[in-house]
Amino acid sequence: MRRKVIKHLSLAAVLAAGLGGQGCANVSDTDRRIGTGVGIGAVTGALISGGRPGGTAAGAVIGAGAGYLYDRERKRRDYYRYRGRYYRY
C-alpha cells in the first residue's frame, strides 16, 4: 500500500515540475526572480514556524521583497557593465 502511494506521489511531483517548467518559459527576469524569492521564502517560513500558515505567508512576502531587491541590484550592475562604466560597490 505504501509503495503504491509513494509511486503516485512521485509521479505527480515529476508531472507538476514538468508543467511548472513549461509555464515559466516566457517569464521576464523580474518575475522569475520574485517568484523564486517567494518559493524560497515560503519554504523557509514554513520550516521556521513549524508549518503554520502565518509563518509561511510571512516568509513568502519577505522572499518576494528580497527577490525584487536582488533584481533591481542585478539590473543596476548590468546597466553599468554593458555601457562600459564602472559600478561602485
N, C-alpha and C. Protein backbone atom coordinates (compact mmCIF):
# COMPACT_ATOMS: atom_id res chain seq x y z
N MET A 1 0.81 -1.19 0.00
CA MET A 1 0.00 0.00 0.00
C MET A 1 0.86 1.27 0.00
N ARG A 2 1.89 1.30 0.85
CA ARG A 2 2.73 2.48 0.93
C ARG A 2 3.51 2.70 -0.36
N ARG A 3 3.99 1.64 -0.97
CA ARG A 3 4.75 1.80 -2.21
C ARG A 3 3.88 2.39 -3.31
N LYS A 4 2.64 1.98 -3.35
CA LYS A 4 1.73 2.50 -4.37
C LYS A 4 1.50 4.00 -4.17
N VAL A 5 1.33 4.41 -2.94
CA VAL A 5 1.13 5.83 -2.63
C VAL A 5 2.38 6.62 -2.98
N ILE A 6 3.54 6.10 -2.63
CA ILE A 6 4.79 6.80 -2.92
C ILE A 6 5.01 6.90 -4.42
N LYS A 7 4.67 5.86 -5.18
CA LYS A 7 4.81 5.93 -6.63
C LYS A 7 3.91 7.00 -7.22
N HIS A 8 2.67 7.05 -6.73
CA HIS A 8 1.74 8.06 -7.26
C HIS A 8 2.19 9.47 -6.90
N LEU A 9 2.65 9.65 -5.69
CA LEU A 9 3.12 10.98 -5.29
C LEU A 9 4.36 11.41 -6.07
N SER A 10 5.26 10.49 -6.29
CA SER A 10 6.46 10.85 -7.05
C SER A 10 6.12 11.15 -8.51
N LEU A 11 5.19 10.41 -9.08
CA LEU A 11 4.75 10.69 -10.46
C LEU A 11 4.08 12.06 -10.53
N ALA A 12 3.24 12.36 -9.54
CA ALA A 12 2.58 13.67 -9.52
C ALA A 12 3.61 14.79 -9.37
N ALA A 13 4.64 14.58 -8.56
CA ALA A 13 5.67 15.61 -8.38
C ALA A 13 6.45 15.84 -9.66
N VAL A 14 6.77 14.77 -10.38
CA VAL A 14 7.50 14.91 -11.64
C VAL A 14 6.66 15.63 -12.67
N LEU A 15 5.38 15.28 -12.77
CA LEU A 15 4.49 15.95 -13.72
C LEU A 15 4.30 17.43 -13.37
N ALA A 16 4.15 17.72 -12.09
CA ALA A 16 3.98 19.12 -11.68
C ALA A 16 5.24 19.93 -11.98
N ALA A 17 6.41 19.35 -11.76
CA ALA A 17 7.65 20.05 -12.05
C ALA A 17 7.80 20.30 -13.55
N GLY A 18 7.41 19.33 -14.35
CA GLY A 18 7.49 19.48 -15.80
C GLY A 18 6.55 20.56 -16.31
N LEU A 19 5.33 20.56 -15.80
CA LEU A 19 4.38 21.58 -16.21
C LEU A 19 4.77 22.96 -15.69
N GLY A 20 5.32 22.99 -14.50
CA GLY A 20 5.77 24.27 -13.94
C GLY A 20 6.91 24.86 -14.74
N GLY A 21 7.79 24.02 -15.23
CA GLY A 21 8.90 24.49 -16.06
C GLY A 21 8.44 25.02 -17.39
N GLN A 22 7.43 24.41 -17.96
CA GLN A 22 6.90 24.87 -19.23
C GLN A 22 6.14 26.19 -19.07
N GLY A 23 5.50 26.36 -17.94
CA GLY A 23 4.74 27.59 -17.71
C GLY A 23 5.63 28.81 -17.52
N CYS A 24 6.87 28.60 -17.19
CA CYS A 24 7.79 29.72 -16.93
C CYS A 24 8.70 30.01 -18.12
N ALA A 25 8.37 29.52 -19.29
CA ALA A 25 9.25 29.69 -20.44
C ALA A 25 9.33 31.14 -20.90
N ASN A 26 8.26 31.89 -20.80
CA ASN A 26 8.24 33.26 -21.32
C ASN A 26 8.10 34.30 -20.21
N VAL A 27 8.67 34.03 -19.06
CA VAL A 27 8.57 34.94 -17.93
C VAL A 27 9.76 35.89 -17.94
N SER A 28 9.51 37.13 -17.57
CA SER A 28 10.60 38.11 -17.54
C SER A 28 11.55 37.80 -16.39
N ASP A 29 12.72 38.40 -16.43
CA ASP A 29 13.72 38.18 -15.38
C ASP A 29 13.19 38.63 -14.02
N THR A 30 12.49 39.76 -14.00
CA THR A 30 11.96 40.28 -12.74
C THR A 30 10.96 39.31 -12.14
N ASP A 31 10.02 38.83 -12.94
CA ASP A 31 9.02 37.91 -12.44
C ASP A 31 9.65 36.60 -11.97
N ARG A 32 10.65 36.14 -12.69
CA ARG A 32 11.32 34.89 -12.31
C ARG A 32 12.04 35.05 -10.98
N ARG A 33 12.72 36.16 -10.80
CA ARG A 33 13.46 36.37 -9.55
C ARG A 33 12.51 36.58 -8.36
N ILE A 34 11.42 37.28 -8.57
CA ILE A 34 10.45 37.46 -7.49
C ILE A 34 9.78 36.12 -7.16
N GLY A 35 9.44 35.34 -8.18
CA GLY A 35 8.84 34.03 -7.95
C GLY A 35 9.76 33.09 -7.20
N THR A 36 11.02 33.13 -7.55
CA THR A 36 11.99 32.30 -6.84
C THR A 36 12.10 32.75 -5.38
N GLY A 37 12.09 34.05 -5.15
CA GLY A 37 12.13 34.57 -3.79
C GLY A 37 10.91 34.15 -2.98
N VAL A 38 9.74 34.16 -3.62
CA VAL A 38 8.52 33.73 -2.93
C VAL A 38 8.62 32.26 -2.54
N GLY A 39 9.09 31.43 -3.46
CA GLY A 39 9.20 30.00 -3.18
C GLY A 39 10.18 29.71 -2.05
N ILE A 40 11.35 30.30 -2.13
CA ILE A 40 12.36 30.07 -1.10
C ILE A 40 11.89 30.64 0.24
N GLY A 41 11.28 31.81 0.21
CA GLY A 41 10.79 32.41 1.44
C GLY A 41 9.66 31.61 2.08
N ALA A 42 8.75 31.07 1.26
CA ALA A 42 7.65 30.28 1.81
C ALA A 42 8.16 29.00 2.46
N VAL A 43 9.10 28.34 1.82
CA VAL A 43 9.66 27.12 2.39
C VAL A 43 10.41 27.42 3.68
N THR A 44 11.19 28.48 3.67
CA THR A 44 11.94 28.85 4.86
C THR A 44 11.00 29.25 6.00
N GLY A 45 9.96 30.02 5.68
CA GLY A 45 8.99 30.41 6.70
C GLY A 45 8.25 29.22 7.27
N ALA A 46 7.92 28.24 6.42
CA ALA A 46 7.25 27.04 6.91
C ALA A 46 8.17 26.22 7.81
N LEU A 47 9.44 26.14 7.46
CA LEU A 47 10.37 25.39 8.29
C LEU A 47 10.60 26.05 9.63
N ILE A 48 10.71 27.36 9.63
CA ILE A 48 10.97 28.08 10.87
C ILE A 48 9.74 28.05 11.79
N SER A 49 8.55 28.23 11.21
CA SER A 49 7.34 28.32 12.03
C SER A 49 6.71 26.96 12.32
N GLY A 50 7.27 25.92 11.80
CA GLY A 50 6.69 24.60 12.04
C GLY A 50 5.49 24.31 11.16
N GLY A 51 5.35 24.98 10.05
CA GLY A 51 4.26 24.73 9.12
C GLY A 51 3.03 25.58 9.34
N ARG A 52 3.09 26.56 10.19
CA ARG A 52 1.94 27.43 10.41
C ARG A 52 1.73 28.33 9.20
N PRO A 53 0.46 28.54 8.82
CA PRO A 53 0.19 29.36 7.62
C PRO A 53 0.69 30.79 7.71
N GLY A 54 0.62 31.38 8.90
CA GLY A 54 1.09 32.76 9.05
C GLY A 54 2.58 32.89 8.80
N GLY A 55 3.35 31.94 9.33
CA GLY A 55 4.80 31.96 9.12
C GLY A 55 5.16 31.71 7.67
N THR A 56 4.40 30.83 7.02
CA THR A 56 4.64 30.56 5.60
C THR A 56 4.35 31.79 4.76
N ALA A 57 3.23 32.45 5.04
CA ALA A 57 2.87 33.66 4.29
C ALA A 57 3.88 34.78 4.53
N ALA A 58 4.31 34.94 5.77
CA ALA A 58 5.30 35.98 6.07
C ALA A 58 6.61 35.70 5.35
N GLY A 59 7.02 34.45 5.32
CA GLY A 59 8.24 34.09 4.59
C GLY A 59 8.11 34.36 3.11
N ALA A 60 6.93 34.10 2.55
CA ALA A 60 6.71 34.35 1.13
C ALA A 60 6.78 35.84 0.81
N VAL A 61 6.21 36.66 1.69
CA VAL A 61 6.25 38.12 1.46
C VAL A 61 7.67 38.64 1.57
N ILE A 62 8.39 38.18 2.57
CA ILE A 62 9.79 38.62 2.72
C ILE A 62 10.62 38.13 1.54
N GLY A 63 10.38 36.91 1.08
CA GLY A 63 11.10 36.39 -0.08
C GLY A 63 10.81 37.17 -1.35
N ALA A 64 9.55 37.60 -1.51
CA ALA A 64 9.21 38.41 -2.69
C ALA A 64 9.96 39.74 -2.67
N GLY A 65 10.02 40.35 -1.49
CA GLY A 65 10.77 41.60 -1.38
C GLY A 65 12.25 41.42 -1.65
N ALA A 66 12.80 40.33 -1.15
CA ALA A 66 14.22 40.05 -1.39
C ALA A 66 14.47 39.78 -2.87
N GLY A 67 13.56 39.06 -3.53
CA GLY A 67 13.72 38.81 -4.96
C GLY A 67 13.66 40.09 -5.77
N TYR A 68 12.78 41.00 -5.37
CA TYR A 68 12.68 42.29 -6.07
C TYR A 68 13.96 43.12 -5.89
N LEU A 69 14.45 43.15 -4.66
CA LEU A 69 15.68 43.91 -4.41
C LEU A 69 16.87 43.32 -5.14
N TYR A 70 16.94 42.00 -5.20
CA TYR A 70 18.02 41.35 -5.95
C TYR A 70 17.92 41.69 -7.44
N ASP A 71 16.71 41.69 -7.98
CA ASP A 71 16.53 42.01 -9.39
C ASP A 71 16.94 43.45 -9.68
N ARG A 72 16.57 44.35 -8.80
CA ARG A 72 16.92 45.76 -9.01
C ARG A 72 18.43 45.96 -8.99
N GLU A 73 19.11 45.30 -8.03
CA GLU A 73 20.57 45.41 -7.95
C GLU A 73 21.23 44.77 -9.17
N ARG A 74 20.72 43.65 -9.61
CA ARG A 74 21.29 42.97 -10.77
C ARG A 74 21.16 43.82 -12.04
N LYS A 75 20.00 44.45 -12.20
CA LYS A 75 19.81 45.31 -13.37
C LYS A 75 20.73 46.53 -13.31
N ARG A 76 20.96 47.06 -12.13
CA ARG A 76 21.85 48.21 -12.00
C ARG A 76 23.27 47.82 -12.39
N ARG A 77 23.73 46.66 -11.93
CA ARG A 77 25.08 46.20 -12.29
C ARG A 77 25.20 45.93 -13.79
N ASP A 78 24.18 45.30 -14.36
CA ASP A 78 24.21 45.02 -15.79
C ASP A 78 24.21 46.30 -16.61
N TYR A 79 23.48 47.31 -16.17
CA TYR A 79 23.44 48.59 -16.87
C TYR A 79 24.84 49.17 -17.00
N TYR A 80 25.57 49.20 -15.90
CA TYR A 80 26.92 49.78 -15.94
C TYR A 80 27.90 48.88 -16.67
N ARG A 81 27.74 47.58 -16.56
CA ARG A 81 28.67 46.67 -17.22
C ARG A 81 28.53 46.75 -18.74
N TYR A 82 27.33 46.81 -19.25
CA TYR A 82 27.12 46.84 -20.70
C TYR A 82 27.45 48.18 -21.32
N ARG A 83 27.52 49.24 -20.53
CA ARG A 83 27.82 50.56 -21.07
C ARG A 83 29.27 50.96 -20.86
N GLY A 84 30.08 50.07 -20.34
CA GLY A 84 31.50 50.33 -20.20
C GLY A 84 31.87 51.21 -19.05
N ARG A 85 30.97 51.43 -18.14
CA ARG A 85 31.28 52.24 -16.97
C ARG A 85 31.51 51.32 -15.78
N TYR A 86 32.19 51.86 -14.82
CA TYR A 86 32.47 51.05 -13.62
C TYR A 86 31.36 51.29 -12.60
N TYR A 87 31.02 50.19 -11.96
CA TYR A 87 30.00 50.27 -10.91
C TYR A 87 30.70 50.35 -9.56
N ARG A 88 30.30 51.29 -8.75
CA ARG A 88 30.90 51.44 -7.44
C ARG A 88 30.13 50.60 -6.44
N TYR A 89 30.83 49.74 -5.77
CA TYR A 89 30.19 48.82 -4.83
C TYR A 89 29.96 49.44 -3.51
